C-alpha cells in the first residue's frame, strides 16, 4: 500500500500542494515556530530594507548599527522592491516563494546522489523541508540565512556534478555559489575547507593554485567592507551571562562541541534508530569509547553555556526546563560525541563536515535554526554513511521521517507556549 502510494505521481502533486498551502496559511496567520523570526524581521531585517530603499549608501556605511549578524546584501535586495512600491506583505510573499528554490535544489542533489531511487520517493523526501520549523519561520519572515542556504545547496549540487564527471567547470561553479552564499550568510564561508580538502585529493597543483587565487580575490570586497571601512557587523552583540551583559564572539569550543554535537544527534534520530546501523555501531564501540570519554572530560570543565544566552538546542532546553540544570543535556552530549566519533572513524570527510559545522559558529549564542534543515541536506548529499542506503530500503522510513518533523513542530509549539 505504501509503495503504491509513493510511486503515484498524483500523491506527489497532492502532497506538494498541501505542504505549500500550509506554508501560505502560516504566512497569513504570522506563524513563527522559531519564536524569534518575527522579532528579527521587525527588529533588524525590515529596518535595513526600509532604510536602504531611501538611502542605500548611508544604510551600508552604518550597517553595524542595526545589530544584524548577516550581511546587508539580501535585505538591500529586498529594499529595491520596497523602492519600486511593493508593499510590506508582498515583499514577504515574494521571499516565501523564492525560498521554495531550496526544496527544488535539494531534490536535484538527491537525483544526482541516488539516481537508482524512484523520483517520486526523492520528491517526497525533499518536500519534508516544508516541515522544518526553521524553513517555515524564515520563509514566512524574510531572513538572509534561507537564501544563503539556497546558494550553499547549489554549491553542493555542483560538487556532486564534479564527482560525477570530473569536469573542472563544476569546481568553478561550486566556488562561485559558495562565495555568493558566504556573502549572504558568512557562516557558510568555512565550508571552503571541506571542498578544498576534497579537490586537493584529485586535482593538480596548478588548478588548485588558480582556484585559491580566485577565492582570495573574491573575498577582498568583504575584507574591505568589514576591516577597512570598519563595518564589522559580525560582532553584533548577543546575550551574555546575565540580562545586562552583551557580548559578541566566543571561542569556547566546549560549548560548541557539546551543543552542536547534541543538535547533530537530534537530527540523526530518524536514521540511527535502525537495526543494521545499531549493530555496526556497537561492534565499533570499543574503538571510540575511550576517545569519547577523554573528549567529554576535556569539554566538561569549560562548558558554561547559559539559558540567558537563549538557544542551546532541544536537549539543552529540555534539561534546563525540567531539572533546571544540565544533567539530561550531558547524557545526550556524551552520546552525541560517541556518534560523531563513530562517523569520523568511518570516514574522515564526516569528521571534516562536523568540524566545519562547529567552526561556522563564532558567536556566543548557538541556535538550533543554524543547523535545521542544513544537517538534513548535508546528510543526504555529502555525508558518508550507510545510513542513507538503509533509509531507502524501506519506504515506510519516509513516513517515520515526516513523523519526526511533525513531532519537532509540536515541540516548538509547546516550547513557544510554555517558555
Foldseek 3Di string as FASTA:
>chain_A
DLVVLLQDVVNLVVLLVVLVVVLVVCLVVVDQLQLCLVVCLVQQQVVLLQVCLVPVVVCLLQVLVSLDQWASVPSNVLSVVVNVPDDPSVSLQVLLVVLCLQLVLLLLLLCLQCVVDDSSLSSLLSSLLSLFSLSSNCSSRPDLLSVLSSLQSVLLSLVSVCVVPVDCVSVVSSLVSLLVSCNGGVLSVLCVVLVLVVCVVPPDPVVSVVVVVVNVVSCVVVCCSCPVSVSPNNFRWAFDQDPVDTGGFDDLLLLLLLLVLLLLVLLCVLQCPDDVNVVVLVVCQVVCVVVLVVVLVVSVVSDDDDCRRPARDDQQVVCCVPPVDCPSSSVSSSVSSSVQVVQCVVDVSSVVVSVSLSVSGGTSRDHSSSPVPVSVSCCSRPRDDCSVVVCSVDSCSSVSSSVSSVVVSVVSVVVSVPD
